[in-house]
Amino acid sequence: STLESENAMLQRFQIARGSLREALR
């Protein structure tokens, strides 16, 4: 299953891109 796109997650969580990418890593 494909999760939300990066942009959708950024909008949903309202966090910086670096934090989101670290979470995915």
PDBML (XML) file of the C-alpha atoms, coordinates in Angstrom:
<?xml version="1.0" encoding="UTF-8" ?>
<PDBx:datablock datablockName="MODEL"
   xmlns:PDBx="http://pdbml.pdb.org/schema/pdbx-v50.xsd"
   xmlns:xsi="http://www.w3.org/2001/XMLSchema-instance"
   xsi:schemaLocation="http://pdbml.pdb.org/schema/pdbx-v50.xsd pdbx-v50.xsd">
   <PDBx:atom_siteCategory>
      <PDBx:atom_site id="1">
         <PDBx:B_iso_or_equiv>0.00</PDBx:B_iso_or_equiv>
         <PDBx:Cartn_x>0.000</PDBx:Cartn_x>
         <PDBx:Cartn_y>0.000</PDBx:Cartn_y>
         <PDBx:Cartn_z>0.000</PDBx:Cartn_z>
         <PDBx:auth_asym_id>A</PDBx:auth_asym_id>
         <PDBx:auth_atom_id>CA</PDBx:auth_atom_id>
         <PDBx:auth_comp_id>SER</PDBx:auth_comp_id>
         <PDBx:auth_seq_id>1</PDBx:auth_seq_id>
         <PDBx:group_PDB>ATOM</PDBx:group_PDB>
         <PDBx:label_alt_id xsi:nil="true" />
         <PDBx:label_asym_id>A</PDBx:label_asym_id>
         <PDBx:label_atom_id>CA</PDBx:label_atom_id>
         <PDBx:label_comp_id>SER</PDBx:label_comp_id>
         <PDBx:label_entity_id>1</PDBx:label_entity_id>
         <PDBx:label_seq_id>1</PDBx:label_seq_id>
         <PDBx:occupancy>1.00</PDBx:occupancy>
         <PDBx:pdbx_PDB_model_num>1</PDBx:pdbx_PDB_model_num>
         <PDBx:type_symbol>C</PDBx:type_symbol>
      </PDBx:atom_site>
      <PDBx:atom_site id="2">
         <PDBx:B_iso_or_equiv>0.00</PDBx:B_iso_or_equiv>
         <PDBx:Cartn_x>1.261</PDBx:Cartn_x>
         <PDBx:Cartn_y>3.469</PDBx:Cartn_y>
         <PDBx:Cartn_z>-0.920</PDBx:Cartn_z>
         <PDBx:auth_asym_id>A</PDBx:auth_asym_id>
         <PDBx:auth_atom_id>CA</PDBx:auth_atom_id>
         <PDBx:auth_comp_id>THR</PDBx:auth_comp_id>
         <PDBx:auth_seq_id>2</PDBx:auth_seq_id>
         <PDBx:group_PDB>ATOM</PDBx:group_PDB>
         <PDBx:label_alt_id xsi:nil="true" />
         <PDBx:label_asym_id>A</PDBx:label_asym_id>
         <PDBx:label_atom_id>CA</PDBx:label_atom_id>
         <PDBx:label_comp_id>THR</PDBx:label_comp_id>
         <PDBx:label_entity_id>1</PDBx:label_entity_id>
         <PDBx:label_seq_id>2</PDBx:label_seq_id>
         <PDBx:occupancy>1.00</PDBx:occupancy>
         <PDBx:pdbx_PDB_model_num>1</PDBx:pdbx_PDB_model_num>
         <PDBx:type_symbol>C</PDBx:type_symbol>
      </PDBx:atom_site>
      <PDBx:atom_site id="3">
         <PDBx:B_iso_or_equiv>0.00</PDBx:B_iso_or_equiv>
         <PDBx:Cartn_x>1.102</PDBx:Cartn_x>
         <PDBx:Cartn_y>6.021</PDBx:Cartn_y>
         <PDBx:Cartn_z>1.864</PDBx:Cartn_z>
         <PDBx:auth_asym_id>A</PDBx:auth_asym_id>
         <PDBx:auth_atom_id>CA</PDBx:auth_atom_id>
         <PDBx:auth_comp_id>LEU</PDBx:auth_comp_id>
         <PDBx:auth_seq_id>3</PDBx:auth_seq_id>
         <PDBx:group_PDB>ATOM</PDBx:group_PDB>
         <PDBx:label_alt_id xsi:nil="true" />
         <PDBx:label_asym_id>A</PDBx:label_asym_id>
         <PDBx:label_atom_id>CA</PDBx:label_atom_id>
         <PDBx:label_comp_id>LEU</PDBx:label_comp_id>
         <PDBx:label_entity_id>1</PDBx:label_entity_id>
         <PDBx:label_seq_id>3</PDBx:label_seq_id>
         <PDBx:occupancy>1.00</PDBx:occupancy>
         <PDBx:pdbx_PDB_model_num>1</PDBx:pdbx_PDB_model_num>
         <PDBx:type_symbol>C</PDBx:type_symbol>
      </PDBx:atom_site>
      <PDBx:atom_site id="4">
         <PDBx:B_iso_or_equiv>0.00</PDBx:B_iso_or_equiv>
         <PDBx:Cartn_x>0.337</PDBx:Cartn_x>
         <PDBx:Cartn_y>9.700</PDBx:Cartn_y>
         <PDBx:Cartn_z>1.470</PDBx:Cartn_z>
         <PDBx:auth_asym_id>A</PDBx:auth_asym_id>
         <PDBx:auth_atom_id>CA</PDBx:auth_atom_id>
         <PDBx:auth_comp_id>GLU</PDBx:auth_comp_id>
         <PDBx:auth_seq_id>4</PDBx:auth_seq_id>
         <PDBx:group_PDB>ATOM</PDBx:group_PDB>
         <PDBx:label_alt_id xsi:nil="true" />
         <PDBx:label_asym_id>A</PDBx:label_asym_id>
         <PDBx:label_atom_id>CA</PDBx:label_atom_id>
         <PDBx:label_comp_id>GLU</PDBx:label_comp_id>
         <PDBx:label_entity_id>1</PDBx:label_entity_id>
         <PDBx:label_seq_id>4</PDBx:label_seq_id>
         <PDBx:occupancy>1.00</PDBx:occupancy>
         <PDBx:pdbx_PDB_model_num>1</PDBx:pdbx_PDB_model_num>
         <PDBx:type_symbol>C</PDBx:type_symbol>
      </PDBx:atom_site>
      <PDBx:atom_site id="5">
         <PDBx:B_iso_or_equiv>0.00</PDBx:B_iso_or_equiv>
         <PDBx:Cartn_x>2.702</PDBx:Cartn_x>
         <PDBx:Cartn_y>11.811</PDBx:Cartn_y>
         <PDBx:Cartn_z>-0.564</PDBx:Cartn_z>
         <PDBx:auth_asym_id>A</PDBx:auth_asym_id>
         <PDBx:auth_atom_id>CA</PDBx:auth_atom_id>
         <PDBx:auth_comp_id>SER</PDBx:auth_comp_id>
         <PDBx:auth_seq_id>5</PDBx:auth_seq_id>
         <PDBx:group_PDB>ATOM</PDBx:group_PDB>
         <PDBx:label_alt_id xsi:nil="true" />
         <PDBx:label_asym_id>A</PDBx:label_asym_id>
         <PDBx:label_atom_id>CA</PDBx:label_atom_id>
         <PDBx:label_comp_id>SER</PDBx:label_comp_id>
         <PDBx:label_entity_id>1</PDBx:label_entity_id>
         <PDBx:label_seq_id>5</PDBx:label_seq_id>
         <PDBx:occupancy>1.00</PDBx:occupancy>
         <PDBx:pdbx_PDB_model_num>1</PDBx:pdbx_PDB_model_num>
         <PDBx:type_symbol>C</PDBx:type_symbol>
      </PDBx:atom_site>
      <PDBx:atom_site id="6">
         <PDBx:B_iso_or_equiv>0.00</PDBx:B_iso_or_equiv>
         <PDBx:Cartn_x>5.336</PDBx:Cartn_x>
         <PDBx:Cartn_y>13.866</PDBx:Cartn_y>
         <PDBx:Cartn_z>1.148</PDBx:Cartn_z>
         <PDBx:auth_asym_id>A</PDBx:auth_asym_id>
         <PDBx:auth_atom_id>CA</PDBx:auth_atom_id>
         <PDBx:auth_comp_id>GLU</PDBx:auth_comp_id>
         <PDBx:auth_seq_id>6</PDBx:auth_seq_id>
         <PDBx:group_PDB>ATOM</PDBx:group_PDB>
         <PDBx:label_alt_id xsi:nil="true" />
         <PDBx:label_asym_id>A</PDBx:label_asym_id>
         <PDBx:label_atom_id>CA</PDBx:label_atom_id>
         <PDBx:label_comp_id>GLU</PDBx:label_comp_id>
         <PDBx:label_entity_id>1</PDBx:label_entity_id>
         <PDBx:label_seq_id>6</PDBx:label_seq_id>
         <PDBx:occupancy>1.00</PDBx:occupancy>
         <PDBx:pdbx_PDB_model_num>1</PDBx:pdbx_PDB_model_num>
         <PDBx:type_symbol>C</PDBx:type_symbol>
      </PDBx:atom_site>
      <PDBx:atom_site id="7">
         <PDBx:B_iso_or_equiv>0.00</PDBx:B_iso_or_equiv>
         <PDBx:Cartn_x>3.413</PDBx:Cartn_x>
         <PDBx:Cartn_y>17.078</PDBx:Cartn_y>
         <PDBx:Cartn_z>0.491</PDBx:Cartn_z>
         <PDBx:auth_asym_id>A</PDBx:auth_asym_id>
         <PDBx:auth_atom_id>CA</PDBx:auth_atom_id>
         <PDBx:auth_comp_id>ASN</PDBx:auth_comp_id>
         <PDBx:auth_seq_id>7</PDBx:auth_seq_id>
         <PDBx:group_PDB>ATOM</PDBx:group_PDB>
         <PDBx:label_alt_id xsi:nil="true" />
         <PDBx:label_asym_id>A</PDBx:label_asym_id>
         <PDBx:label_atom_id>CA</PDBx:label_atom_id>
         <PDBx:label_comp_id>ASN</PDBx:label_comp_id>
         <PDBx:label_entity_id>1</PDBx:label_entity_id>
         <PDBx:label_seq_id>7</PDBx:label_seq_id>
         <PDBx:occupancy>1.00</PDBx:occupancy>
         <PDBx:pdbx_PDB_model_num>1</PDBx:pdbx_PDB_model_num>
         <PDBx:type_symbol>C</PDBx:type_symbol>
      </PDBx:atom_site>
      <PDBx:atom_site id="8">
         <PDBx:B_iso_or_equiv>0.00</PDBx:B_iso_or_equiv>
         <PDBx:Cartn_x>0.211</PDBx:Cartn_x>
         <PDBx:Cartn_y>15.589</PDBx:Cartn_y>
         <PDBx:Cartn_z>1.914</PDBx:Cartn_z>
         <PDBx:auth_asym_id>A</PDBx:auth_asym_id>
         <PDBx:auth_atom_id>CA</PDBx:auth_atom_id>
         <PDBx:auth_comp_id>ALA</PDBx:auth_comp_id>
         <PDBx:auth_seq_id>8</PDBx:auth_seq_id>
         <PDBx:group_PDB>ATOM</PDBx:group_PDB>
         <PDBx:label_alt_id xsi:nil="true" />
         <PDBx:label_asym_id>A</PDBx:label_asym_id>
         <PDBx:label_atom_id>CA</PDBx:label_atom_id>
         <PDBx:label_comp_id>ALA</PDBx:label_comp_id>
         <PDBx:label_entity_id>1</PDBx:label_entity_id>
         <PDBx:label_seq_id>8</PDBx:label_seq_id>
         <PDBx:occupancy>1.00</PDBx:occupancy>
         <PDBx:pdbx_PDB_model_num>1</PDBx:pdbx_PDB_model_num>
         <PDBx:type_symbol>C</PDBx:type_symbol>
      </PDBx:atom_site>
      <PDBx:atom_site id="9">
         <PDBx:B_iso_or_equiv>0.00</PDBx:B_iso_or_equiv>
         <PDBx:Cartn_x>2.052</PDBx:Cartn_x>
         <PDBx:Cartn_y>14.498</PDBx:Cartn_y>
         <PDBx:Cartn_z>5.065</PDBx:Cartn_z>
         <PDBx:auth_asym_id>A</PDBx:auth_asym_id>
         <PDBx:auth_atom_id>CA</PDBx:auth_atom_id>
         <PDBx:auth_comp_id>MET</PDBx:auth_comp_id>
         <PDBx:auth_seq_id>9</PDBx:auth_seq_id>
         <PDBx:group_PDB>ATOM</PDBx:group_PDB>
         <PDBx:label_alt_id xsi:nil="true" />
         <PDBx:label_asym_id>A</PDBx:label_asym_id>
         <PDBx:label_atom_id>CA</PDBx:label_atom_id>
         <PDBx:label_comp_id>MET</PDBx:label_comp_id>
         <PDBx:label_entity_id>1</PDBx:label_entity_id>
         <PDBx:label_seq_id>9</PDBx:label_seq_id>
         <PDBx:occupancy>1.00</PDBx:occupancy>
         <PDBx:pdbx_PDB_model_num>1</PDBx:pdbx_PDB_model_num>
         <PDBx:type_symbol>C</PDBx:type_symbol>
      </PDBx:atom_site>
      <PDBx:atom_site id="10">
         <PDBx:B_iso_or_equiv>0.00</PDBx:B_iso_or_equiv>
         <PDBx:Cartn_x>3.666</PDBx:Cartn_x>
         <PDBx:Cartn_y>17.908</PDBx:Cartn_y>
         <PDBx:Cartn_z>5.443</PDBx:Cartn_z>
         <PDBx:auth_asym_id>A</PDBx:auth_asym_id>
         <PDBx:auth_atom_id>CA</PDBx:auth_atom_id>
         <PDBx:auth_comp_id>LEU</PDBx:auth_comp_id>
         <PDBx:auth_seq_id>10</PDBx:auth_seq_id>
         <PDBx:group_PDB>ATOM</PDBx:group_PDB>
         <PDBx:label_alt_id xsi:nil="true" />
         <PDBx:label_asym_id>A</PDBx:label_asym_id>
         <PDBx:label_atom_id>CA</PDBx:label_atom_id>
         <PDBx:label_comp_id>LEU</PDBx:label_comp_id>
         <PDBx:label_entity_id>1</PDBx:label_entity_id>
         <PDBx:label_seq_id>10</PDBx:label_seq_id>
         <PDBx:occupancy>1.00</PDBx:occupancy>
         <PDBx:pdbx_PDB_model_num>1</PDBx:pdbx_PDB_model_num>
         <PDBx:type_symbol>C</PDBx:type_symbol>
      </PDBx:atom_site>
      <PDBx:atom_site id="11">
         <PDBx:B_iso_or_equiv>0.00</PDBx:B_iso_or_equiv>
         <PDBx:Cartn_x>0.261</PDBx:Cartn_x>
         <PDBx:Cartn_y>19.534</PDBx:Cartn_y>
         <PDBx:Cartn_z>5.285</PDBx:Cartn_z>
         <PDBx:auth_asym_id>A</PDBx:auth_asym_id>
         <PDBx:auth_atom_id>CA</PDBx:auth_atom_id>
         <PDBx:auth_comp_id>GLN</PDBx:auth_comp_id>
         <PDBx:auth_seq_id>11</PDBx:auth_seq_id>
         <PDBx:group_PDB>ATOM</PDBx:group_PDB>
         <PDBx:label_alt_id xsi:nil="true" />
         <PDBx:label_asym_id>A</PDBx:label_asym_id>
         <PDBx:label_atom_id>CA</PDBx:label_atom_id>
         <PDBx:label_comp_id>GLN</PDBx:label_comp_id>
         <PDBx:label_entity_id>1</PDBx:label_entity_id>
         <PDBx:label_seq_id>11</PDBx:label_seq_id>
         <PDBx:occupancy>1.00</PDBx:occupancy>
         <PDBx:pdbx_PDB_model_num>1</PDBx:pdbx_PDB_model_num>
         <PDBx:type_symbol>C</PDBx:type_symbol>
      </PDBx:atom_site>
      <PDBx:atom_site id="12">
         <PDBx:B_iso_or_equiv>0.00</PDBx:B_iso_or_equiv>
         <PDBx:Cartn_x>-1.275</PDBx:Cartn_x>
         <PDBx:Cartn_y>16.986</PDBx:Cartn_y>
         <PDBx:Cartn_z>7.642</PDBx:Cartn_z>
         <PDBx:auth_asym_id>A</PDBx:auth_asym_id>
         <PDBx:auth_atom_id>CA</PDBx:auth_atom_id>
         <PDBx:auth_comp_id>ARG</PDBx:auth_comp_id>
         <PDBx:auth_seq_id>12</PDBx:auth_seq_id>
         <PDBx:group_PDB>ATOM</PDBx:group_PDB>
         <PDBx:label_alt_id xsi:nil="true" />
         <PDBx:label_asym_id>A</PDBx:label_asym_id>
         <PDBx:label_atom_id>CA</PDBx:label_atom_id>
         <PDBx:label_comp_id>ARG</PDBx:label_comp_id>
         <PDBx:label_entity_id>1</PDBx:label_entity_id>
         <PDBx:label_seq_id>12</PDBx:label_seq_id>
         <PDBx:occupancy>1.00</PDBx:occupancy>
         <PDBx:pdbx_PDB_model_num>1</PDBx:pdbx_PDB_model_num>
         <PDBx:type_symbol>C</PDBx:type_symbol>
      </PDBx:atom_site>
      <PDBx:atom_site id="13">
         <PDBx:B_iso_or_equiv>0.00</PDBx:B_iso_or_equiv>
         <PDBx:Cartn_x>1.396</PDBx:Cartn_x>
         <PDBx:Cartn_y>17.113</PDBx:Cartn_y>
         <PDBx:Cartn_z>10.331</PDBx:Cartn_z>
         <PDBx:auth_asym_id>A</PDBx:auth_asym_id>
         <PDBx:auth_atom_id>CA</PDBx:auth_atom_id>
         <PDBx:auth_comp_id>PHE</PDBx:auth_comp_id>
         <PDBx:auth_seq_id>13</PDBx:auth_seq_id>
         <PDBx:group_PDB>ATOM</PDBx:group_PDB>
         <PDBx:label_alt_id xsi:nil="true" />
         <PDBx:label_asym_id>A</PDBx:label_asym_id>
         <PDBx:label_atom_id>CA</PDBx:label_atom_id>
         <PDBx:label_comp_id>PHE</PDBx:label_comp_id>
         <PDBx:label_entity_id>1</PDBx:label_entity_id>
         <PDBx:label_seq_id>13</PDBx:label_seq_id>
         <PDBx:occupancy>1.00</PDBx:occupancy>
         <PDBx:pdbx_PDB_model_num>1</PDBx:pdbx_PDB_model_num>
         <PDBx:type_symbol>C</PDBx:type_symbol>
      </PDBx:atom_site>
      <PDBx:atom_site id="14">
         <PDBx:B_iso_or_equiv>0.00</PDBx:B_iso_or_equiv>
         <PDBx:Cartn_x>2.498</PDBx:Cartn_x>
         <PDBx:Cartn_y>20.736</PDBx:Cartn_y>
         <PDBx:Cartn_z>9.869</PDBx:Cartn_z>
         <PDBx:auth_asym_id>A</PDBx:auth_asym_id>
         <PDBx:auth_atom_id>CA</PDBx:auth_atom_id>
         <PDBx:auth_comp_id>GLN</PDBx:auth_comp_id>
         <PDBx:auth_seq_id>14</PDBx:auth_seq_id>
         <PDBx:group_PDB>ATOM</PDBx:group_PDB>
         <PDBx:label_alt_id xsi:nil="true" />
         <PDBx:label_asym_id>A</PDBx:label_asym_id>
         <PDBx:label_atom_id>CA</PDBx:label_atom_id>
         <PDBx:label_comp_id>GLN</PDBx:label_comp_id>
         <PDBx:label_entity_id>1</PDBx:label_entity_id>
         <PDBx:label_seq_id>14</PDBx:label_seq_id>
         <PDBx:occupancy>1.00</PDBx:occupancy>
         <PDBx:pdbx_PDB_model_num>1</PDBx:pdbx_PDB_model_num>
         <PDBx:type_symbol>C</PDBx:type_symbol>
      </PDBx:atom_site>
      <PDBx:atom_site id="15">
         <PDBx:B_iso_or_equiv>0.00</PDBx:B_iso_or_equiv>
         <PDBx:Cartn_x>6.169</PDBx:Cartn_x>
         <PDBx:Cartn_y>19.963</PDBx:Cartn_y>
         <PDBx:Cartn_z>10.378</PDBx:Cartn_z>
         <PDBx:auth_asym_id>A</PDBx:auth_asym_id>
         <PDBx:auth_atom_id>CA</PDBx:auth_atom_id>
         <PDBx:auth_comp_id>ILE</PDBx:auth_comp_id>
         <PDBx:auth_seq_id>15</PDBx:auth_seq_id>
         <PDBx:group_PDB>ATOM</PDBx:group_PDB>
         <PDBx:label_alt_id xsi:nil="true" />
         <PDBx:label_asym_id>A</PDBx:label_asym_id>
         <PDBx:label_atom_id>CA</PDBx:label_atom_id>
         <PDBx:label_comp_id>ILE</PDBx:label_comp_id>
         <PDBx:label_entity_id>1</PDBx:label_entity_id>
         <PDBx:label_seq_id>15</PDBx:label_seq_id>
         <PDBx:occupancy>1.00</PDBx:occupancy>
         <PDBx:pdbx_PDB_model_num>1</PDBx:pdbx_PDB_model_num>
         <PDBx:type_symbol>C</PDBx:type_symbol>
      </PDBx:atom_site>
      <PDBx:atom_site id="16">
         <PDBx:B_iso_or_equiv>0.00</PDBx:B_iso_or_equiv>
         <PDBx:Cartn_x>9.406</PDBx:Cartn_x>
         <PDBx:Cartn_y>20.730</PDBx:Cartn_y>
         <PDBx:Cartn_z>8.558</PDBx:Cartn_z>
         <PDBx:auth_asym_id>A</PDBx:auth_asym_id>
         <PDBx:auth_atom_id>CA</PDBx:auth_atom_id>
         <PDBx:auth_comp_id>ALA</PDBx:auth_comp_id>
         <PDBx:auth_seq_id>16</PDBx:auth_seq_id>
         <PDBx:group_PDB>ATOM</PDBx:group_PDB>
         <PDBx:label_alt_id xsi:nil="true" />
         <PDBx:label_asym_id>A</PDBx:label_asym_id>
         <PDBx:label_atom_id>CA</PDBx:label_atom_id>
         <PDBx:label_comp_id>ALA</PDBx:label_comp_id>
         <PDBx:label_entity_id>1</PDBx:label_entity_id>
         <PDBx:label_seq_id>16</PDBx:label_seq_id>
         <PDBx:occupancy>1.00</PDBx:occupancy>
         <PDBx:pdbx_PDB_model_num>1</PDBx:pdbx_PDB_model_num>
         <PDBx:type_symbol>C</PDBx:type_symbol>
      </PDBx:atom_site>
      <PDBx:atom_site id="17">
         <PDBx:B_iso_or_equiv>0.00</PDBx:B_iso_or_equiv>
         <PDBx:Cartn_x>10.376</PDBx:Cartn_x>
         <PDBx:Cartn_y>18.585</PDBx:Cartn_y>
         <PDBx:Cartn_z>5.570</PDBx:Cartn_z>
         <PDBx:auth_asym_id>A</PDBx:auth_asym_id>
         <PDBx:auth_atom_id>CA</PDBx:auth_atom_id>
         <PDBx:auth_comp_id>ARG</PDBx:auth_comp_id>
         <PDBx:auth_seq_id>17</PDBx:auth_seq_id>
         <PDBx:group_PDB>ATOM</PDBx:group_PDB>
         <PDBx:label_alt_id xsi:nil="true" />
         <PDBx:label_asym_id>A</PDBx:label_asym_id>
         <PDBx:label_atom_id>CA</PDBx:label_atom_id>
         <PDBx:label_comp_id>ARG</PDBx:label_comp_id>
         <PDBx:label_entity_id>1</PDBx:label_entity_id>
         <PDBx:label_seq_id>17</PDBx:label_seq_id>
         <PDBx:occupancy>1.00</PDBx:occupancy>
         <PDBx:pdbx_PDB_model_num>1</PDBx:pdbx_PDB_model_num>
         <PDBx:type_symbol>C</PDBx:type_symbol>
      </PDBx:atom_site>
      <PDBx:atom_site id="18">
         <PDBx:B_iso_or_equiv>0.00</PDBx:B_iso_or_equiv>
         <PDBx:Cartn_x>13.572</PDBx:Cartn_x>
         <PDBx:Cartn_y>17.458</PDBx:Cartn_y>
         <PDBx:Cartn_z>7.302</PDBx:Cartn_z>
         <PDBx:auth_asym_id>A</PDBx:auth_asym_id>
         <PDBx:auth_atom_id>CA</PDBx:auth_atom_id>
         <PDBx:auth_comp_id>GLY</PDBx:auth_comp_id>
         <PDBx:auth_seq_id>18</PDBx:auth_seq_id>
         <PDBx:group_PDB>ATOM</PDBx:group_PDB>
         <PDBx:label_alt_id xsi:nil="true" />
         <PDBx:label_asym_id>A</PDBx:label_asym_id>
         <PDBx:label_atom_id>CA</PDBx:label_atom_id>
         <PDBx:label_comp_id>GLY</PDBx:label_comp_id>
         <PDBx:label_entity_id>1</PDBx:label_entity_id>
         <PDBx:label_seq_id>18</PDBx:label_seq_id>
         <PDBx:occupancy>1.00</PDBx:occupancy>
         <PDBx:pdbx_PDB_model_num>1</PDBx:pdbx_PDB_model_num>
         <PDBx:type_symbol>C</PDBx:type_symbol>
      </PDBx:atom_site>
      <PDBx:atom_site id="19">
         <PDBx:B_iso_or_equiv>0.00</PDBx:B_iso_or_equiv>
         <PDBx:Cartn_x>11.626</PDBx:Cartn_x>
         <PDBx:Cartn_y>16.062</PDBx:Cartn_y>
         <PDBx:Cartn_z>10.278</PDBx:Cartn_z>
         <PDBx:auth_asym_id>A</PDBx:auth_asym_id>
         <PDBx:auth_atom_id>CA</PDBx:auth_atom_id>
         <PDBx:auth_comp_id>SER</PDBx:auth_comp_id>
         <PDBx:auth_seq_id>19</PDBx:auth_seq_id>
         <PDBx:group_PDB>ATOM</PDBx:group_PDB>
         <PDBx:label_alt_id xsi:nil="true" />
         <PDBx:label_asym_id>A</PDBx:label_asym_id>
         <PDBx:label_atom_id>CA</PDBx:label_atom_id>
         <PDBx:label_comp_id>SER</PDBx:label_comp_id>
         <PDBx:label_entity_id>1</PDBx:label_entity_id>
         <PDBx:label_seq_id>19</PDBx:label_seq_id>
         <PDBx:occupancy>1.00</PDBx:occupancy>
         <PDBx:pdbx_PDB_model_num>1</PDBx:pdbx_PDB_model_num>
         <PDBx:type_symbol>C</PDBx:type_symbol>
      </PDBx:atom_site>
      <PDBx:atom_site id="20">
         <PDBx:B_iso_or_equiv>0.00</PDBx:B_iso_or_equiv>
         <PDBx:Cartn_x>9.255</PDBx:Cartn_x>
         <PDBx:Cartn_y>14.149</PDBx:Cartn_y>
         <PDBx:Cartn_z>8.000</PDBx:Cartn_z>
         <PDBx:auth_asym_id>A</PDBx:auth_asym_id>
         <PDBx:auth_atom_id>CA</PDBx:auth_atom_id>
         <PDBx:auth_comp_id>LEU</PDBx:auth_comp_id>
         <PDBx:auth_seq_id>20</PDBx:auth_seq_id>
         <PDBx:group_PDB>ATOM</PDBx:group_PDB>
         <PDBx:label_alt_id xsi:nil="true" />
         <PDBx:label_asym_id>A</PDBx:label_asym_id>
         <PDBx:label_atom_id>CA</PDBx:label_atom_id>
         <PDBx:label_comp_id>LEU</PDBx:label_comp_id>
         <PDBx:label_entity_id>1</PDBx:label_entity_id>
         <PDBx:label_seq_id>20</PDBx:label_seq_id>
         <PDBx:occupancy>1.00</PDBx:occupancy>
         <PDBx:pdbx_PDB_model_num>1</PDBx:pdbx_PDB_model_num>
         <PDBx:type_symbol>C</PDBx:type_symbol>
      </PDBx:atom_site>
      <PDBx:atom_site id="21">
         <PDBx:B_iso_or_equiv>0.00</PDBx:B_iso_or_equiv>
         <PDBx:Cartn_x>12.068</PDBx:Cartn_x>
         <PDBx:Cartn_y>12.629</PDBx:Cartn_y>
         <PDBx:Cartn_z>5.980</PDBx:Cartn_z>
         <PDBx:auth_asym_id>A</PDBx:auth_asym_id>
         <PDBx:auth_atom_id>CA</PDBx:auth_atom_id>
         <PDBx:auth_comp_id>ARG</PDBx:auth_comp_id>
         <PDBx:auth_seq_id>21</PDBx:auth_seq_id>
         <PDBx:group_PDB>ATOM</PDBx:group_PDB>
         <PDBx:label_alt_id xsi:nil="true" />
         <PDBx:label_asym_id>A</PDBx:label_asym_id>
         <PDBx:label_atom_id>CA</PDBx:label_atom_id>
         <PDBx:label_comp_id>ARG</PDBx:label_comp_id>
         <PDBx:label_entity_id>1</PDBx:label_entity_id>
         <PDBx:label_seq_id>21</PDBx:label_seq_id>
         <PDBx:occupancy>1.00</PDBx:occupancy>
         <PDBx:pdbx_PDB_model_num>1</PDBx:pdbx_PDB_model_num>
         <PDBx:type_symbol>C</PDBx:type_symbol>
      </PDBx:atom_site>
      <PDBx:atom_site id="22">
         <PDBx:B_iso_or_equiv>0.00</PDBx:B_iso_or_equiv>
         <PDBx:Cartn_x>13.851</PDBx:Cartn_x>
         <PDBx:Cartn_y>11.609</PDBx:Cartn_y>
         <PDBx:Cartn_z>9.157</PDBx:Cartn_z>
         <PDBx:auth_asym_id>A</PDBx:auth_asym_id>
         <PDBx:auth_atom_id>CA</PDBx:auth_atom_id>
         <PDBx:auth_comp_id>GLU</PDBx:auth_comp_id>
         <PDBx:auth_seq_id>22</PDBx:auth_seq_id>
         <PDBx:group_PDB>ATOM</PDBx:group_PDB>
         <PDBx:label_alt_id xsi:nil="true" />
         <PDBx:label_asym_id>A</PDBx:label_asym_id>
         <PDBx:label_atom_id>CA</PDBx:label_atom_id>
         <PDBx:label_comp_id>GLU</PDBx:label_comp_id>
         <PDBx:label_entity_id>1</PDBx:label_entity_id>
         <PDBx:label_seq_id>22</PDBx:label_seq_id>
         <PDBx:occupancy>1.00</PDBx:occupancy>
         <PDBx:pdbx_PDB_model_num>1</PDBx:pdbx_PDB_model_num>
         <PDBx:type_symbol>C</PDBx:type_symbol>
      </PDBx:atom_site>
      <PDBx:atom_site id="23">
         <PDBx:B_iso_or_equiv>0.00</PDBx:B_iso_or_equiv>
         <PDBx:Cartn_x>10.633</PDBx:Cartn_x>
         <PDBx:Cartn_y>9.940</PDBx:Cartn_y>
         <PDBx:Cartn_z>10.356</PDBx:Cartn_z>
         <PDBx:auth_asym_id>A</PDBx:auth_asym_id>
         <PDBx:auth_atom_id>CA</PDBx:auth_atom_id>
         <PDBx:auth_comp_id>ALA</PDBx:auth_comp_id>
         <PDBx:auth_seq_id>23</PDBx:auth_seq_id>
         <PDBx:group_PDB>ATOM</PDBx:group_PDB>
         <PDBx:label_alt_id xsi:nil="true" />
         <PDBx:label_asym_id>A</PDBx:label_asym_id>
         <PDBx:label_atom_id>CA</PDBx:label_atom_id>
         <PDBx:label_comp_id>ALA</PDBx:label_comp_id>
         <PDBx:label_entity_id>1</PDBx:label_entity_id>
         <PDBx:label_seq_id>23</PDBx:label_seq_id>
         <PDBx:occupancy>1.00</PDBx:occupancy>
         <PDBx:pdbx_PDB_model_num>1</PDBx:pdbx_PDB_model_num>
         <PDBx:type_symbol>C</PDBx:type_symbol>
      </PDBx:atom_site>
      <PDBx:atom_site id="24">
         <PDBx:B_iso_or_equiv>0.00</PDBx:B_iso_or_equiv>
         <PDBx:Cartn_x>10.353</PDBx:Cartn_x>
         <PDBx:Cartn_y>7.998</PDBx:Cartn_y>
         <PDBx:Cartn_z>7.106</PDBx:Cartn_z>
         <PDBx:auth_asym_id>A</PDBx:auth_asym_id>
         <PDBx:auth_atom_id>CA</PDBx:auth_atom_id>
         <PDBx:auth_comp_id>LEU</PDBx:auth_comp_id>
         <PDBx:auth_seq_id>24</PDBx:auth_seq_id>
         <PDBx:group_PDB>ATOM</PDBx:group_PDB>
         <PDBx:label_alt_id xsi:nil="true" />
         <PDBx:label_asym_id>A</PDBx:label_asym_id>
         <PDBx:label_atom_id>CA</PDBx:label_atom_id>
         <PDBx:label_comp_id>LEU</PDBx:label_comp_id>
         <PDBx:label_entity_id>1</PDBx:label_entity_id>
         <PDBx:label_seq_id>24</PDBx:label_seq_id>
         <PDBx:occupancy>1.00</PDBx:occupancy>
         <PDBx:pdbx_PDB_model_num>1</PDBx:pdbx_PDB_model_num>
         <PDBx:type_symbol>C</PDBx:type_symbol>
      </PDBx:atom_site>
      <PDBx:atom_site id="25">
         <PDBx:B_iso_or_equiv>0.00</PDBx:B_iso_or_equiv>
         <PDBx:Cartn_x>14.002</PDBx:Cartn_x>
         <PDBx:Cartn_y>6.957</PDBx:Cartn_y>
         <PDBx:Cartn_z>7.352</PDBx:Cartn_z>
         <PDBx:auth_asym_id>A</PDBx:auth_asym_id>
         <PDBx:auth_atom_id>CA</PDBx:auth_atom_id>
         <PDBx:auth_comp_id>ARG</PDBx:auth_comp_id>
         <PDBx:auth_seq_id>25</PDBx:auth_seq_id>
         <PDBx:group_PDB>ATOM</PDBx:group_PDB>
         <PDBx:label_alt_id xsi:nil="true" />
         <PDBx:label_asym_id>A</PDBx:label_asym_id>
         <PDBx:label_atom_id>CA</PDBx:label_atom_id>
         <PDBx:label_comp_id>ARG</PDBx:label_comp_id>
         <PDBx:label_entity_id>1</PDBx:label_entity_id>
         <PDBx:label_seq_id>25</PDBx:label_seq_id>
         <PDBx:occupancy>1.00</PDBx:occupancy>
         <PDBx:pdbx_PDB_model_num>1</PDBx:pdbx_PDB_model_num>
         <PDBx:type_symbol>C</PDBx:type_symbol>
      </PDBx:atom_site>
   </PDBx:atom_siteCategory>
</PDBx:datablock>
